[in-house]
């Protein structure tokens, strides 16, 4: 989608600070980090939100999680741990209408998240 911010980042028309990437996903540093380590993992294929997933998207979601784990390892977060977050919709604080996984770490997380 040409008007989607994350599609433009995935296409390379908007620059980012990549951590990992392959043909299906891009992991890059968040420009407004909420933790010392904050990476977004996006599918290159446009999916607006969790609610737009189809029956056949289970494997893609598994690979998205695995890319998040690989990004966390790349950032050295294995020992201390990290958090995955996927926001969905306005009440879930989804600010960009493109499915994305937040990988947050580098400090102790609190619960509830807020």
N, C-alpha and C. Protein backbone atom coordinates (compact mmCIF):
# COMPACT_ATOMS: atom_id res chain seq x y z
N UNK A 1 0.84 -1.18 0.00
CA UNK A 1 0.00 0.00 0.00
C UNK A 1 0.88 1.24 0.00
N UNK A 2 0.73 2.06 -0.99
CA UNK A 2 1.63 3.20 -1.17
C UNK A 2 1.49 4.26 -0.09
N UNK A 3 0.35 4.34 0.60
CA UNK A 3 0.17 5.36 1.62
C UNK A 3 0.46 4.86 3.03
N UNK A 4 0.87 3.61 3.17
CA UNK A 4 1.17 3.02 4.48
C UNK A 4 2.63 3.31 4.86
N UNK A 5 2.83 3.92 6.01
CA UNK A 5 4.17 4.26 6.49
C UNK A 5 5.08 3.04 6.54
N UNK A 6 4.60 1.94 7.14
CA UNK A 6 5.46 0.77 7.28
C UNK A 6 5.69 0.07 5.94
N UNK A 7 4.75 0.13 5.02
CA UNK A 7 4.98 -0.42 3.68
C UNK A 7 6.08 0.38 2.98
N UNK A 8 6.08 1.69 3.17
CA UNK A 8 7.12 2.53 2.58
C UNK A 8 8.48 2.24 3.21
N UNK A 9 8.51 2.01 4.51
CA UNK A 9 9.77 1.63 5.18
C UNK A 9 10.24 0.29 4.64
N UNK A 10 9.33 -0.68 4.53
CA UNK A 10 9.70 -2.01 4.03
C UNK A 10 10.21 -1.95 2.59
N UNK A 11 9.67 -1.02 1.80
CA UNK A 11 10.09 -0.87 0.40
C UNK A 11 11.39 -0.09 0.27
N UNK A 12 11.83 0.55 1.35
CA UNK A 12 13.07 1.32 1.30
C UNK A 12 12.88 2.76 0.87
N UNK A 13 11.66 3.22 0.70
CA UNK A 13 11.44 4.61 0.29
C UNK A 13 11.51 5.57 1.48
N UNK A 14 11.32 5.05 2.68
CA UNK A 14 11.55 5.81 3.92
C UNK A 14 12.65 5.08 4.67
N UNK A 15 13.71 5.78 5.07
CA UNK A 15 14.83 5.10 5.73
C UNK A 15 14.47 4.64 7.14
N UNK A 16 15.20 3.62 7.59
CA UNK A 16 15.06 3.11 8.95
C UNK A 16 16.43 2.62 9.41
N UNK A 17 16.51 2.22 10.66
CA UNK A 17 17.73 1.64 11.23
C UNK A 17 17.48 0.15 11.39
N UNK A 18 17.79 -0.65 10.36
CA UNK A 18 17.44 -2.07 10.40
C UNK A 18 18.29 -2.85 11.40
N UNK A 19 17.67 -3.86 11.99
CA UNK A 19 18.35 -4.80 12.88
C UNK A 19 18.50 -6.14 12.19
N UNK A 20 17.44 -6.59 11.54
CA UNK A 20 17.41 -7.84 10.77
C UNK A 20 16.38 -7.68 9.66
N UNK A 21 16.59 -8.44 8.59
CA UNK A 21 15.58 -8.46 7.54
C UNK A 21 15.75 -9.69 6.67
N UNK A 22 14.66 -10.08 6.06
CA UNK A 22 14.68 -11.13 5.06
C UNK A 22 13.60 -10.79 4.04
N UNK A 23 13.27 -11.73 3.17
CA UNK A 23 12.28 -11.46 2.12
C UNK A 23 10.89 -11.20 2.67
N UNK A 24 10.60 -11.69 3.88
CA UNK A 24 9.24 -11.62 4.42
C UNK A 24 9.06 -10.58 5.51
N UNK A 25 10.14 -10.26 6.26
CA UNK A 25 10.03 -9.38 7.42
C UNK A 25 11.17 -8.37 7.47
N UNK A 26 10.91 -7.29 8.19
CA UNK A 26 11.91 -6.28 8.47
C UNK A 26 11.82 -5.94 9.95
N UNK A 27 12.95 -5.97 10.64
CA UNK A 27 13.04 -5.56 12.05
C UNK A 27 13.91 -4.32 12.09
N UNK A 28 13.37 -3.24 12.67
CA UNK A 28 14.12 -1.98 12.72
C UNK A 28 13.87 -1.27 14.04
N UNK A 29 14.79 -0.38 14.39
CA UNK A 29 14.69 0.35 15.66
C UNK A 29 13.55 1.37 15.60
N UNK A 30 12.78 1.43 16.69
CA UNK A 30 11.67 2.37 16.79
C UNK A 30 12.25 3.78 16.94
N UNK A 31 11.65 4.75 16.25
CA UNK A 31 12.16 6.14 16.33
C UNK A 31 11.73 6.83 17.63
N UNK A 32 10.81 6.22 18.37
CA UNK A 32 10.38 6.76 19.66
C UNK A 32 10.45 5.63 20.69
N UNK A 33 11.68 5.20 21.04
CA UNK A 33 11.82 4.00 21.88
C UNK A 33 11.21 4.17 23.27
N UNK A 34 10.56 3.11 23.72
CA UNK A 34 9.95 3.06 25.05
C UNK A 34 10.76 2.23 26.03
N UNK A 35 11.92 1.78 25.59
CA UNK A 35 12.86 1.01 26.41
C UNK A 35 14.23 1.19 25.76
N UNK A 36 15.31 0.87 26.50
CA UNK A 36 16.64 1.01 25.90
C UNK A 36 16.79 0.26 24.56
N UNK A 37 16.15 -0.90 24.47
CA UNK A 37 16.08 -1.63 23.19
C UNK A 37 14.61 -1.69 22.79
N UNK A 38 14.29 -1.15 21.62
CA UNK A 38 12.91 -1.15 21.13
C UNK A 38 12.94 -1.31 19.61
N UNK A 39 12.55 -2.48 19.17
CA UNK A 39 12.57 -2.82 17.75
C UNK A 39 11.15 -3.15 17.32
N UNK A 40 10.82 -2.77 16.10
CA UNK A 40 9.55 -3.15 15.49
C UNK A 40 9.84 -4.21 14.44
N UNK A 41 9.05 -5.25 14.42
CA UNK A 41 9.15 -6.30 13.41
C UNK A 41 7.86 -6.25 12.60
N UNK A 42 8.00 -6.05 11.29
CA UNK A 42 6.84 -5.92 10.43
C UNK A 42 6.90 -6.95 9.31
N UNK A 43 5.74 -7.46 8.90
CA UNK A 43 5.73 -8.23 7.66
C UNK A 43 5.83 -7.26 6.49
N UNK A 44 6.52 -7.65 5.45
CA UNK A 44 6.60 -6.79 4.26
C UNK A 44 5.24 -6.73 3.56
N UNK A 45 4.46 -7.77 3.66
CA UNK A 45 3.10 -7.80 3.11
C UNK A 45 2.21 -6.97 4.02
N UNK A 46 1.40 -6.14 3.44
CA UNK A 46 0.52 -5.30 4.25
C UNK A 46 -0.61 -6.10 4.87
N UNK A 47 -0.65 -6.06 6.19
CA UNK A 47 -1.77 -6.56 6.99
C UNK A 47 -2.03 -5.42 7.96
N UNK A 48 -3.23 -4.87 7.95
CA UNK A 48 -3.50 -3.67 8.74
C UNK A 48 -3.45 -3.92 10.24
N UNK A 49 -3.98 -5.05 10.71
CA UNK A 49 -4.05 -5.31 12.15
C UNK A 49 -4.28 -6.79 12.39
N UNK A 50 -4.16 -7.20 13.64
CA UNK A 50 -4.45 -8.59 14.00
C UNK A 50 -5.82 -9.02 13.52
N UNK A 51 -6.78 -8.11 13.57
CA UNK A 51 -8.15 -8.45 13.16
C UNK A 51 -8.28 -8.72 11.68
N UNK A 52 -7.25 -8.41 10.89
CA UNK A 52 -7.27 -8.66 9.45
C UNK A 52 -6.57 -9.96 9.06
N UNK A 53 -6.07 -10.70 10.03
CA UNK A 53 -5.44 -11.98 9.72
C UNK A 53 -6.46 -12.95 9.18
N UNK A 54 -6.01 -13.80 8.27
CA UNK A 54 -6.86 -14.82 7.65
C UNK A 54 -6.47 -16.19 8.20
N UNK A 55 -7.29 -17.19 7.91
CA UNK A 55 -7.02 -18.55 8.40
C UNK A 55 -5.62 -19.04 8.03
N UNK A 56 -5.12 -18.67 6.87
CA UNK A 56 -3.81 -19.16 6.43
C UNK A 56 -2.62 -18.38 6.96
N UNK A 57 -2.84 -17.41 7.84
CA UNK A 57 -1.75 -16.55 8.32
C UNK A 57 -1.04 -17.06 9.58
N UNK A 58 -1.43 -18.24 10.07
CA UNK A 58 -0.81 -18.77 11.29
C UNK A 58 0.69 -18.97 11.15
N UNK A 59 1.12 -19.53 10.03
CA UNK A 59 2.55 -19.76 9.81
C UNK A 59 3.31 -18.44 9.75
N UNK A 60 2.73 -17.44 9.10
CA UNK A 60 3.37 -16.13 9.01
C UNK A 60 3.53 -15.53 10.41
N UNK A 61 2.52 -15.68 11.26
CA UNK A 61 2.61 -15.14 12.62
C UNK A 61 3.68 -15.85 13.42
N UNK A 62 3.83 -17.14 13.21
CA UNK A 62 4.92 -17.88 13.86
C UNK A 62 6.27 -17.38 13.42
N UNK A 63 6.42 -17.13 12.12
CA UNK A 63 7.70 -16.62 11.62
C UNK A 63 7.94 -15.18 12.09
N UNK A 64 6.87 -14.40 12.25
CA UNK A 64 7.02 -13.05 12.81
C UNK A 64 7.59 -13.13 14.22
N UNK A 65 7.05 -14.04 15.04
CA UNK A 65 7.56 -14.22 16.39
C UNK A 65 9.02 -14.68 16.37
N UNK A 66 9.36 -15.59 15.48
CA UNK A 66 10.75 -16.06 15.38
C UNK A 66 11.70 -14.94 14.96
N UNK A 67 11.25 -14.05 14.08
CA UNK A 67 12.07 -12.89 13.71
C UNK A 67 12.25 -11.99 14.92
N UNK A 68 11.21 -11.85 15.74
CA UNK A 68 11.33 -11.08 16.97
C UNK A 68 12.35 -11.67 17.92
N UNK A 69 12.35 -12.99 18.06
CA UNK A 69 13.33 -13.68 18.90
C UNK A 69 14.74 -13.45 18.36
N UNK A 70 14.90 -13.56 17.05
CA UNK A 70 16.21 -13.34 16.43
C UNK A 70 16.68 -11.90 16.64
N UNK A 71 15.77 -10.94 16.54
CA UNK A 71 16.12 -9.54 16.79
C UNK A 71 16.54 -9.34 18.24
N UNK A 72 15.81 -9.96 19.17
CA UNK A 72 16.16 -9.86 20.59
C UNK A 72 17.56 -10.44 20.84
N UNK A 73 17.85 -11.56 20.21
CA UNK A 73 19.21 -12.15 20.34
C UNK A 73 20.26 -11.20 19.77
N UNK A 74 19.98 -10.64 18.62
CA UNK A 74 20.92 -9.71 17.98
C UNK A 74 21.22 -8.53 18.90
N UNK A 75 20.23 -8.10 19.66
CA UNK A 75 20.39 -6.97 20.58
C UNK A 75 20.94 -7.39 21.95
N UNK A 76 21.21 -8.69 22.13
CA UNK A 76 21.78 -9.17 23.38
C UNK A 76 20.81 -9.20 24.55
N UNK A 77 19.53 -9.41 24.25
CA UNK A 77 18.51 -9.38 25.29
C UNK A 77 18.21 -10.75 25.90
N UNK A 78 18.86 -11.80 25.45
CA UNK A 78 18.56 -13.15 25.91
C UNK A 78 18.68 -13.31 27.42
N UNK A 79 19.76 -12.82 28.01
CA UNK A 79 20.00 -13.06 29.43
C UNK A 79 18.99 -12.35 30.33
N UNK A 80 18.72 -11.08 30.07
CA UNK A 80 17.82 -10.33 30.93
C UNK A 80 16.35 -10.50 30.60
N UNK A 81 16.06 -10.89 29.37
CA UNK A 81 14.68 -11.06 28.94
C UNK A 81 14.17 -9.85 28.18
N UNK A 82 12.98 -9.99 27.67
CA UNK A 82 12.39 -8.94 26.84
C UNK A 82 10.89 -9.16 26.78
N UNK A 83 10.20 -8.21 26.18
CA UNK A 83 8.75 -8.27 26.06
C UNK A 83 8.36 -8.12 24.59
N UNK A 84 7.36 -8.91 24.17
CA UNK A 84 6.72 -8.75 22.87
C UNK A 84 5.37 -8.07 23.11
N UNK A 85 5.02 -7.11 22.25
CA UNK A 85 3.72 -6.45 22.31
C UNK A 85 3.20 -6.30 20.88
N UNK A 86 1.93 -6.64 20.68
CA UNK A 86 1.24 -6.32 19.43
C UNK A 86 -0.01 -5.57 19.82
N UNK A 87 -0.09 -4.31 19.44
CA UNK A 87 -1.26 -3.49 19.71
C UNK A 87 -2.26 -3.69 18.57
N UNK A 88 -3.55 -3.60 18.90
CA UNK A 88 -4.58 -3.79 17.88
C UNK A 88 -5.70 -2.79 18.11
N UNK A 89 -5.91 -1.94 17.12
CA UNK A 89 -7.01 -0.98 17.16
C UNK A 89 -6.74 0.22 18.05
N UNK A 90 -7.66 1.15 18.02
CA UNK A 90 -7.53 2.41 18.76
C UNK A 90 -7.39 2.16 20.26
N UNK A 91 -8.26 1.35 20.83
CA UNK A 91 -8.20 1.09 22.27
C UNK A 91 -6.96 0.30 22.66
N UNK A 92 -6.39 -0.43 21.72
CA UNK A 92 -5.16 -1.17 21.97
C UNK A 92 -3.91 -0.36 21.69
N UNK A 93 -4.07 0.92 21.38
CA UNK A 93 -2.96 1.86 21.12
C UNK A 93 -2.18 1.56 19.84
N UNK A 94 -2.83 0.98 18.83
CA UNK A 94 -2.16 0.77 17.55
C UNK A 94 -2.11 2.11 16.83
N UNK A 95 -0.90 2.64 16.62
CA UNK A 95 -0.76 3.97 16.02
C UNK A 95 -0.49 3.93 14.52
N UNK A 96 -0.02 2.81 14.01
CA UNK A 96 0.22 2.66 12.56
C UNK A 96 -0.61 1.47 12.09
N UNK A 97 -1.47 1.66 11.10
CA UNK A 97 -2.32 0.57 10.63
C UNK A 97 -1.58 -0.42 9.73
N UNK A 98 -0.58 -1.06 10.31
CA UNK A 98 0.18 -2.13 9.67
C UNK A 98 0.63 -3.02 10.82
N UNK A 99 0.31 -4.29 10.76
CA UNK A 99 0.67 -5.23 11.81
C UNK A 99 2.14 -5.08 12.16
N UNK A 100 2.45 -4.96 13.45
CA UNK A 100 3.84 -4.88 13.88
C UNK A 100 4.00 -5.42 15.29
N UNK A 101 5.12 -6.05 15.51
CA UNK A 101 5.49 -6.63 16.79
C UNK A 101 6.55 -5.73 17.43
N UNK A 102 6.28 -5.26 18.64
CA UNK A 102 7.27 -4.50 19.40
C UNK A 102 8.12 -5.49 20.18
N UNK A 103 9.43 -5.35 20.11
CA UNK A 103 10.37 -6.10 20.94
C UNK A 103 11.02 -5.07 21.86
N UNK A 104 10.75 -5.19 23.16
CA UNK A 104 11.24 -4.21 24.13
C UNK A 104 12.12 -4.90 25.16
N UNK A 105 13.24 -4.29 25.49
CA UNK A 105 14.12 -4.87 26.49
C UNK A 105 15.19 -3.89 26.91
N UNK A 106 16.15 -4.41 27.67
CA UNK A 106 17.25 -3.58 28.15
C UNK A 106 16.99 -2.97 29.51
N UNK A 107 15.84 -3.26 30.11
CA UNK A 107 15.49 -2.81 31.45
C UNK A 107 14.39 -3.73 31.98
N UNK A 108 14.18 -3.68 33.29
CA UNK A 108 13.09 -4.46 33.88
C UNK A 108 11.76 -3.84 33.45
N UNK A 109 10.83 -4.68 33.04
CA UNK A 109 9.50 -4.22 32.64
C UNK A 109 8.58 -4.26 33.86
N UNK A 110 7.57 -3.42 33.86
CA UNK A 110 6.60 -3.43 34.95
C UNK A 110 5.30 -4.09 34.49
N UNK A 111 4.48 -4.46 35.46
CA UNK A 111 3.17 -5.02 35.17
C UNK A 111 2.17 -4.48 36.17
N UNK A 112 1.02 -4.05 35.79
CA UNK A 112 0.53 -4.04 34.41
C UNK A 112 1.23 -2.98 33.58
N UNK A 113 1.20 -3.15 32.25
CA UNK A 113 1.95 -2.24 31.39
C UNK A 113 1.39 -0.83 31.33
N UNK A 114 0.15 -0.59 31.71
CA UNK A 114 -0.34 0.78 31.74
C UNK A 114 -1.60 1.02 30.98
